[in-house]
Amino acid sequence: MIMKRIAIVSMLALCVGTTASASITVEASVYPERIYRNQSFRIALSIRTRDVRLGGRIRVGGLFEDGRIVQIEDFRELAAERSMDGLAVLENRRFVCMARAENAGAIELKPTVHLLKRERRRTSFGVRWAETPVTVAAKPLRLNILPLPPEPPDGFSGAVGQFSFETELSASEAAVGDLITLRMRIQGEGYWDAIDLPQVKAAPFFSVYEPKTVSGASSRALVYEQTLVPRSDKATTIPALTFRYFDPVRGDYASRTRGPFRLVLRETEAVDREETFRPDLSEQDGDLPVPDAARVAGREESRMALRWRALSNRLRGRELAATARRVSARLAPASGALTTFRIPADAELTVLESHNGWVKVQYRNNRGWIPADALAWDDAGEKAERK
């Protein structure tokens, strides 16, 4: 009986000795295998554990410290995979991020993972969980970053990736001096930092202004607008725009062309001074008595007449204002636009529309754009009373 017990104990000890020990391994990979300069690619890390619990804080090193690889986004964790191997618990935690290589050539990455290993320990206060720092190195990654093909096409923007390019014209009909907006949208995934954006550099019979960004590339779409103003009745065509980029999937340069854009020029609307300054309110509801303007010296008008003018313009959807200083009216809402006429200080005028800190006004029989801060927005009648 004693010999049988000894044999049973020896067999149990043998079984315990053959149980697989706890372990942590790290694997790293990149996708795709063929990578060009400035192409976005994915770095994936897989942390496999066997009968080991990990803490929540995990840091990755050995990838971006020397500056040869630029990290585009932080590592994000995917859904963990768990399974059983006999009595052992297997877990696979996966992390991915996007990166980019700024220069061509051979690069070796040595990814290391710094994590916390959780273990049960018996203390004077009972059994507690303790965390021990652990550093695990993955097998080095050897990358060969390819240069872009030589002799890029004329007008190459410098963008690398896969993109779409769309355009939209604010109006297909306009008059000389009207504001026209050309909106452009680049959408896709890839590198487009500091690239040359497609834009109208020059167009016959147009005033062309620098484009302005509407929204950045953080949402994988870049939207920007360019302002053009026809200066002649011959301004009927806006040149085509082409976005040229490198497609790493095809391994070649690609282009997207939109336009040319046709424009129908209509006659400039004549300005009726009598309608502007002495409006006919016969179509308005109710009969409002129109006061006579006081006969005063020079260009002075009575407080009542000025207030009536402000009221009549508001009834027509317009607003009466006065200039706070002498100002030059321009053909478009830009400081570099052509000066068309000048407006003296304290001049009464009608505000027609506004755009980015500029207002389109009507002064006598002329229309043009002036800075919004050149207007005195106080009621014109009160201004006259203060005089």
Protein backbone atom coordinates (compact mmCIF):
# COMPACT_ATOMS: atom_id res chain seq x y z
CA MET A 1 0.00 0.00 0.00
CA ILE A 2 2.83 2.41 0.82
CA MET A 3 4.53 1.70 -2.52
CA LYS A 4 1.29 2.39 -4.44
CA ARG A 5 0.90 5.80 -2.74
CA ILE A 6 4.46 6.74 -3.61
CA ALA A 7 3.83 5.82 -7.24
CA ILE A 8 0.68 7.96 -7.40
CA VAL A 9 2.48 11.01 -5.94
CA SER A 10 5.33 10.63 -8.42
CA MET A 11 2.87 10.49 -11.31
CA LEU A 12 1.16 13.74 -10.20
CA ALA A 13 4.51 15.50 -9.89
CA LEU A 14 5.42 14.41 -13.42
CA CYS A 15 2.16 15.82 -14.80
CA VAL A 16 2.70 19.18 -13.08
CA GLY A 17 6.25 19.41 -14.42
CA THR A 18 5.08 19.02 -18.02
CA THR A 19 2.53 21.87 -17.86
CA ALA A 20 3.50 24.74 -20.29
CA SER A 21 4.87 27.82 -18.47
CA ALA A 22 3.36 31.32 -18.67
CA SER A 23 4.71 33.43 -21.54
CA ILE A 24 4.44 36.80 -23.41
CA THR A 25 5.42 37.19 -27.06
CA VAL A 26 5.18 40.21 -29.41
CA GLU A 27 4.98 40.17 -33.21
CA ALA A 28 5.10 43.21 -35.53
CA SER A 29 4.13 43.55 -39.18
CA VAL A 30 3.51 46.23 -41.82
CA TYR A 31 1.03 46.49 -44.68
CA PRO A 32 1.45 46.76 -47.61
CA GLU A 33 4.80 45.13 -48.26
CA ARG A 34 5.70 47.56 -51.08
CA ILE A 35 5.93 51.06 -49.65
CA TYR A 36 6.78 54.33 -51.46
CA ARG A 37 8.10 57.56 -50.01
CA ASN A 38 5.31 59.57 -48.35
CA GLN A 39 2.90 56.65 -48.71
CA SER A 40 0.73 55.88 -45.68
CA PHE A 41 1.12 52.32 -44.37
CA ARG A 42 -0.12 50.34 -41.40
CA ILE A 43 1.97 49.04 -38.49
CA ALA A 44 0.36 46.17 -36.55
CA LEU A 45 1.46 44.74 -33.19
CA SER A 46 0.21 41.46 -31.75
CA ILE A 47 0.79 40.71 -28.04
CA ARG A 48 0.15 37.03 -27.28
CA THR A 49 0.01 35.81 -23.69
CA ARG A 50 -0.37 32.40 -22.08
CA ASP A 51 -1.69 32.33 -18.53
CA VAL A 52 -0.65 35.96 -18.03
CA ARG A 53 -2.81 38.93 -17.13
CA LEU A 54 -1.76 42.34 -18.42
CA GLY A 55 -2.43 45.77 -16.96
CA GLY A 56 -4.15 48.47 -18.99
CA ARG A 57 -1.09 50.64 -19.68
CA ILE A 58 0.89 49.53 -22.76
CA ARG A 59 3.61 51.64 -24.40
CA VAL A 60 5.33 51.01 -27.73
CA GLY A 61 8.91 52.02 -28.50
CA GLY A 62 11.56 51.51 -31.17
CA LEU A 63 9.48 52.80 -34.09
CA PHE A 64 9.46 56.60 -34.31
CA GLU A 65 12.32 57.77 -32.12
CA ASP A 66 14.88 58.42 -34.88
CA GLY A 67 12.46 60.39 -37.09
CA ARG A 68 12.78 58.20 -40.19
CA ILE A 69 9.18 57.05 -39.76
CA VAL A 70 6.45 59.60 -39.03
CA GLN A 71 3.52 58.46 -36.92
CA ILE A 72 0.27 59.69 -38.44
CA GLU A 73 -2.09 58.49 -35.70
CA ASP A 74 -1.88 56.92 -32.25
CA PHE A 75 -2.04 53.18 -31.80
CA ARG A 76 -5.59 51.95 -31.36
CA GLU A 77 -6.52 48.58 -29.91
CA LEU A 78 -8.67 46.12 -31.83
CA ALA A 79 -10.94 43.51 -30.27
CA ALA A 80 -8.98 40.96 -28.20
CA GLU A 81 -9.03 37.26 -29.10
CA ARG A 82 -9.21 34.65 -26.32
CA SER A 83 -9.09 30.84 -26.39
CA MET A 84 -8.17 27.84 -24.23
CA ASP A 85 -5.33 25.35 -24.59
CA GLY A 86 -6.26 22.70 -22.08
CA LEU A 87 -6.32 24.58 -18.78
CA ALA A 88 -4.19 27.46 -20.13
CA VAL A 89 -5.81 30.78 -21.13
CA LEU A 90 -4.51 32.21 -24.42
CA GLU A 91 -5.06 35.88 -25.27
CA ASN A 92 -4.10 37.94 -28.34
CA ARG A 93 -4.25 41.75 -28.02
CA ARG A 94 -3.80 43.63 -31.31
CA PHE A 95 -2.83 47.25 -31.91
CA VAL A 96 -2.57 49.21 -35.20
CA CYS A 97 -1.54 52.69 -36.31
CA MET A 98 -0.78 54.51 -39.57
CA ALA A 99 2.71 55.77 -40.40
CA ARG A 100 4.66 57.35 -43.26
CA ALA A 101 8.30 57.36 -44.40
CA GLU A 102 9.54 60.76 -45.57
CA ASN A 103 12.64 59.44 -47.35
CA ALA A 104 13.45 56.46 -49.55
CA GLY A 105 15.94 53.79 -48.47
CA ALA A 106 16.38 50.83 -46.14
CA ILE A 107 15.01 51.21 -42.61
CA GLU A 108 15.16 48.75 -39.70
CA LEU A 109 12.61 49.08 -36.93
CA LYS A 110 13.06 47.41 -33.54
CA PRO A 111 9.64 47.50 -31.89
CA THR A 112 9.52 46.98 -28.14
CA VAL A 113 6.47 46.84 -25.90
CA HIS A 114 6.48 48.10 -22.31
CA LEU A 115 3.62 46.62 -20.30
CA LEU A 116 2.54 45.63 -16.80
CA LYS A 117 2.24 42.00 -15.78
CA ARG A 118 -0.41 41.35 -13.13
CA GLU A 119 0.14 38.60 -10.54
CA ARG A 120 -1.56 37.48 -7.33
CA ARG A 121 0.71 37.85 -4.31
CA ARG A 122 0.15 36.82 -0.73
CA THR A 123 0.82 39.69 1.69
CA SER A 124 0.22 40.34 5.39
CA PHE A 125 -3.09 41.93 4.34
CA GLY A 126 -4.15 38.90 2.32
CA VAL A 127 -3.94 38.00 -1.36
CA ARG A 128 -3.58 41.08 -3.62
CA TRP A 129 -2.91 41.84 -7.28
CA ALA A 130 0.54 43.28 -7.99
CA GLU A 131 1.83 44.81 -11.26
CA THR A 132 5.38 44.20 -12.48
CA PRO A 133 6.89 46.21 -15.39
CA VAL A 134 7.92 43.99 -18.30
CA THR A 135 9.62 44.89 -21.61
CA VAL A 136 9.25 42.52 -24.56
CA ALA A 137 11.02 43.03 -27.90
CA ALA A 138 9.60 41.90 -31.22
CA LYS A 139 11.58 40.61 -34.16
CA PRO A 140 13.05 43.63 -36.07
CA LEU A 141 11.21 44.89 -39.15
CA ARG A 142 13.28 45.62 -42.26
CA LEU A 143 11.61 48.05 -44.68
CA ASN A 144 12.76 49.13 -48.12
CA ILE A 145 11.11 52.47 -48.87
CA LEU A 146 10.90 53.01 -52.64
CA PRO A 147 11.40 56.41 -54.32
CA LEU A 148 8.70 57.83 -56.58
CA PRO A 149 9.21 57.13 -60.28
CA PRO A 150 11.46 59.69 -62.02
CA GLU A 151 10.21 62.45 -64.31
CA PRO A 152 6.88 63.31 -62.65
CA PRO A 153 4.32 64.98 -64.93
CA ASP A 154 4.06 68.76 -65.14
CA GLY A 155 1.88 70.11 -62.38
CA PHE A 156 2.47 67.16 -60.02
CA SER A 157 0.97 68.24 -56.70
CA GLY A 158 3.20 66.08 -54.48
CA ALA A 159 0.22 64.12 -53.11
CA VAL A 160 0.69 60.36 -52.62
CA GLY A 161 -2.34 58.10 -52.18
CA GLN A 162 -5.71 57.48 -53.77
CA PHE A 163 -7.96 60.51 -54.22
CA SER A 164 -11.03 61.92 -55.92
CA PHE A 165 -11.28 65.52 -57.16
CA GLU A 166 -14.57 67.40 -57.56
CA THR A 167 -15.41 71.02 -58.39
CA GLU A 168 -18.52 73.19 -58.18
CA LEU A 169 -19.19 76.67 -59.62
CA SER A 170 -21.47 78.92 -57.57
CA ALA A 171 -23.27 80.25 -60.67
CA SER A 172 -23.36 79.51 -64.37
CA GLU A 173 -24.68 83.00 -65.16
CA ALA A 174 -23.22 86.30 -64.01
CA ALA A 175 -22.79 89.95 -64.89
CA VAL A 176 -19.57 91.90 -65.14
CA GLY A 177 -18.36 92.62 -61.59
CA ASP A 178 -20.30 89.76 -59.94
CA LEU A 179 -18.63 87.52 -57.41
CA ILE A 180 -18.16 83.90 -58.59
CA THR A 181 -16.95 81.15 -56.27
CA LEU A 182 -15.25 77.98 -57.49
CA ARG A 183 -15.33 75.31 -54.77
CA MET A 184 -12.87 72.39 -54.98
CA ARG A 185 -12.88 69.16 -52.94
CA ILE A 186 -10.08 66.58 -52.66
CA GLN A 187 -11.08 63.40 -50.85
CA GLY A 188 -9.22 60.18 -50.14
CA GLU A 189 -6.45 58.63 -48.07
CA GLY A 190 -2.80 59.54 -48.33
CA TYR A 191 -0.26 62.30 -48.00
CA TRP A 192 -1.37 65.83 -48.90
CA ASP A 193 0.55 68.03 -46.46
CA ALA A 194 2.12 71.08 -48.13
CA ILE A 195 1.01 70.00 -51.61
CA ASP A 196 0.33 72.34 -54.54
CA LEU A 197 -3.46 72.65 -54.72
CA PRO A 198 -5.08 72.86 -58.16
CA GLN A 199 -6.21 76.44 -58.70
CA VAL A 200 -6.94 78.96 -61.43
CA LYS A 201 -3.66 80.83 -61.86
CA ALA A 202 -4.96 83.21 -64.53
CA ALA A 203 -8.01 83.48 -66.76
CA PRO A 204 -8.62 85.92 -69.65
CA PHE A 205 -10.94 88.78 -68.72
CA PHE A 206 -11.20 87.65 -65.06
CA SER A 207 -9.83 88.97 -61.79
CA VAL A 208 -8.51 85.90 -59.93
CA TYR A 209 -7.86 85.75 -56.17
CA GLU A 210 -5.94 83.34 -53.96
CA PRO A 211 -7.89 80.27 -52.76
CA LYS A 212 -8.96 79.91 -49.13
CA THR A 213 -9.35 76.65 -47.22
CA VAL A 214 -12.87 75.87 -46.02
CA SER A 215 -12.10 72.62 -44.17
CA GLY A 216 -8.87 70.77 -43.52
CA ALA A 217 -7.78 67.22 -44.28
CA SER A 218 -8.49 65.75 -40.85
CA SER A 219 -11.77 64.26 -42.10
CA ARG A 220 -10.04 62.75 -45.19
CA ALA A 221 -11.47 65.60 -47.28
CA LEU A 222 -9.91 68.95 -48.15
CA VAL A 223 -12.30 71.68 -49.30
CA TYR A 224 -11.18 75.10 -50.53
CA GLU A 225 -12.66 77.96 -52.56
CA GLN A 226 -11.38 80.47 -55.08
CA THR A 227 -13.01 83.78 -55.99
CA LEU A 228 -13.19 85.04 -59.58
CA VAL A 229 -14.77 88.25 -60.92
CA PRO A 230 -15.55 88.73 -64.64
CA ARG A 231 -14.20 92.07 -65.89
CA SER A 232 -15.52 91.93 -69.44
CA ASP A 233 -18.42 90.52 -71.38
CA LYS A 234 -15.83 88.22 -72.98
CA ALA A 235 -15.27 86.40 -69.68
CA THR A 236 -17.15 83.27 -70.74
CA THR A 237 -14.68 80.46 -69.93
CA ILE A 238 -12.82 79.49 -66.76
CA PRO A 239 -9.88 77.15 -67.54
CA ALA A 240 -9.95 73.47 -66.57
CA LEU A 241 -8.28 72.27 -63.37
CA THR A 242 -6.19 69.08 -63.07
CA PHE A 243 -5.16 67.35 -59.86
CA ARG A 244 -2.06 65.19 -60.41
CA TYR A 245 -0.91 62.74 -57.74
CA PHE A 246 0.98 59.46 -57.31
CA ASP A 247 -1.09 56.29 -56.83
CA PRO A 248 1.00 53.75 -54.84
CA VAL A 249 -1.42 50.90 -55.59
CA ARG A 250 -0.88 51.31 -59.33
CA GLY A 251 2.72 52.37 -58.85
CA ASP A 252 2.26 55.26 -61.29
CA TYR A 253 1.12 58.88 -61.53
CA ALA A 254 -2.58 59.64 -61.96
CA SER A 255 -4.65 62.75 -62.70
CA ARG A 256 -8.20 64.04 -62.32
CA THR A 257 -9.42 66.87 -64.58
CA ARG A 258 -12.52 69.01 -64.14
CA GLY A 259 -13.67 71.75 -66.51
CA PRO A 260 -13.35 73.98 -68.42
CA PHE A 261 -16.27 75.88 -66.92
CA ARG A 262 -18.62 77.83 -69.19
CA LEU A 263 -20.15 81.09 -67.99
CA VAL A 264 -23.09 82.98 -69.50
CA LEU A 265 -22.67 86.75 -69.18
CA ARG A 266 -25.81 88.80 -68.71
CA GLU A 267 -26.22 92.56 -68.89
CA THR A 268 -25.48 94.51 -65.74
CA GLU A 269 -28.68 95.58 -64.05
CA ALA A 270 -29.31 99.30 -64.27
CA VAL A 271 -29.59 101.14 -60.99
CA ASP A 272 -32.69 103.29 -60.52
CA ARG A 273 -31.66 106.17 -58.26
CA GLU A 274 -35.25 107.24 -57.71
CA GLU A 275 -36.17 103.74 -56.53
CA THR A 276 -33.18 103.60 -54.21
CA PHE A 277 -33.53 106.98 -52.56
CA ARG A 278 -37.27 107.69 -52.91
CA PRO A 279 -38.95 104.26 -52.90
CA ASP A 280 -42.52 103.72 -54.00
CA LEU A 281 -44.32 101.92 -51.17
CA SER A 282 -47.66 101.57 -52.95
CA GLU A 283 -47.32 97.76 -52.86
CA GLN A 284 -46.73 97.67 -49.09
CA ASP A 285 -49.62 96.93 -46.78
CA GLY A 286 -51.23 100.05 -45.38
CA ASP A 287 -50.81 103.70 -46.42
CA LEU A 288 -47.81 105.34 -44.82
CA PRO A 289 -47.56 109.12 -45.27
CA VAL A 290 -44.23 110.05 -46.83
CA PRO A 291 -42.76 113.13 -45.11
CA ASP A 292 -41.19 115.87 -47.19
CA ALA A 293 -37.43 116.29 -46.81
CA ALA A 294 -36.50 119.52 -45.04
CA ARG A 295 -34.81 122.08 -47.23
CA VAL A 296 -31.47 122.60 -45.52
CA ALA A 297 -28.13 123.81 -46.77
CA GLY A 298 -25.88 121.53 -48.87
CA ARG A 299 -26.43 117.77 -48.53
CA GLU A 300 -27.97 117.93 -45.00
CA GLU A 301 -31.38 116.25 -44.67
CA SER A 302 -33.84 116.27 -41.84
CA ARG A 303 -33.90 113.61 -39.16
CA MET A 304 -37.39 112.50 -40.19
CA ALA A 305 -36.46 112.10 -43.88
CA LEU A 306 -33.39 110.02 -43.09
CA ARG A 307 -35.36 107.78 -40.74
CA TRP A 308 -38.04 107.33 -43.37
CA ARG A 309 -35.40 106.31 -45.88
CA ALA A 310 -34.02 103.72 -43.44
CA LEU A 311 -37.54 102.37 -42.82
CA SER A 312 -38.38 102.12 -46.53
CA ASN A 313 -35.14 100.27 -47.30
CA ARG A 314 -35.71 97.79 -44.48
CA LEU A 315 -39.21 97.12 -45.82
CA ARG A 316 -37.55 96.17 -49.11
CA GLY A 317 -35.02 93.88 -47.43
CA ARG A 318 -32.22 96.45 -47.56
CA GLU A 319 -30.39 98.36 -44.87
CA LEU A 320 -29.38 102.01 -44.85
CA ALA A 321 -25.99 102.94 -43.43
CA ALA A 322 -23.42 105.70 -43.58
CA THR A 323 -19.67 105.73 -44.12
CA ALA A 324 -17.56 106.41 -41.06
CA ARG A 325 -14.67 107.61 -43.22
CA ARG A 326 -13.68 108.21 -46.82
CA VAL A 327 -13.37 104.83 -48.51
CA SER A 328 -12.66 103.31 -51.93
CA ALA A 329 -15.17 100.85 -53.39
CA ARG A 330 -13.69 97.83 -55.15
CA LEU A 331 -14.78 95.42 -57.85
CA ALA A 332 -14.59 92.37 -55.50
CA PRO A 333 -14.38 91.74 -51.73
CA ALA A 334 -10.58 91.81 -51.55
CA SER A 335 -8.05 94.51 -50.71
CA GLY A 336 -6.21 93.85 -53.98
CA ALA A 337 -9.31 94.19 -56.17
CA LEU A 338 -9.68 96.99 -58.71
CA THR A 339 -10.90 100.34 -57.30
CA THR A 340 -14.04 101.46 -59.13
CA PHE A 341 -15.17 104.64 -57.32
CA ARG A 342 -14.74 106.55 -54.04
CA ILE A 343 -17.28 107.31 -51.33
CA PRO A 344 -16.86 110.38 -49.08
CA ALA A 345 -17.19 110.28 -45.30
CA ASP A 346 -20.72 110.55 -43.81
CA ALA A 347 -22.28 109.45 -47.11
CA GLU A 348 -25.61 107.62 -46.91
CA LEU A 349 -25.70 104.35 -48.86
CA THR A 350 -27.59 101.06 -49.10
CA VAL A 351 -26.10 97.73 -47.99
CA LEU A 352 -26.92 94.95 -50.49
CA GLU A 353 -24.97 91.90 -49.21
CA SER A 354 -21.94 90.88 -47.15
CA HIS A 355 -19.01 88.45 -47.59
CA ASN A 356 -16.03 87.70 -45.30
CA GLY A 357 -15.77 91.12 -43.65
CA TRP A 358 -16.79 93.06 -46.79
CA VAL A 359 -20.16 94.57 -47.75
CA LYS A 360 -21.56 95.30 -51.18
CA VAL A 361 -23.10 98.78 -51.17
CA GLN A 362 -24.98 101.05 -53.51
CA TYR A 363 -23.99 104.71 -53.50
CA ARG A 364 -25.96 106.89 -55.90
CA ASN A 365 -25.90 104.91 -59.16
CA ASN A 366 -22.75 102.91 -58.36
CA ARG A 367 -22.25 99.54 -56.68
CA GLY A 368 -19.08 98.12 -55.16
CA TRP A 369 -17.44 96.38 -52.20
CA ILE A 370 -16.06 98.18 -49.13
CA PRO A 371 -14.74 96.91 -45.76
CA ALA A 372 -17.50 96.37 -43.24
CA ASP A 373 -15.64 98.42 -40.63
CA ALA A 374 -15.92 101.49 -42.90
CA LEU A 375 -19.67 101.72 -42.13
CA ALA A 376 -21.39 103.55 -39.29
CA TRP A 377 -24.23 101.19 -38.40
CA ASP A 378 -26.03 103.72 -36.18
CA ASP A 379 -29.43 104.85 -37.37
CA ALA A 380 -28.89 107.49 -40.06
CA GLY A 381 -31.49 109.78 -38.53
CA GLU A 382 -29.80 109.75 -35.13
CA LYS A 383 -26.48 110.56 -36.82
CA ALA A 384 -28.04 113.54 -38.51
CA GLU A 385 -29.56 114.71 -35.20
CA ARG A 386 -26.13 114.62 -33.51
CA LYS A 387 -24.84 116.97 -36.20
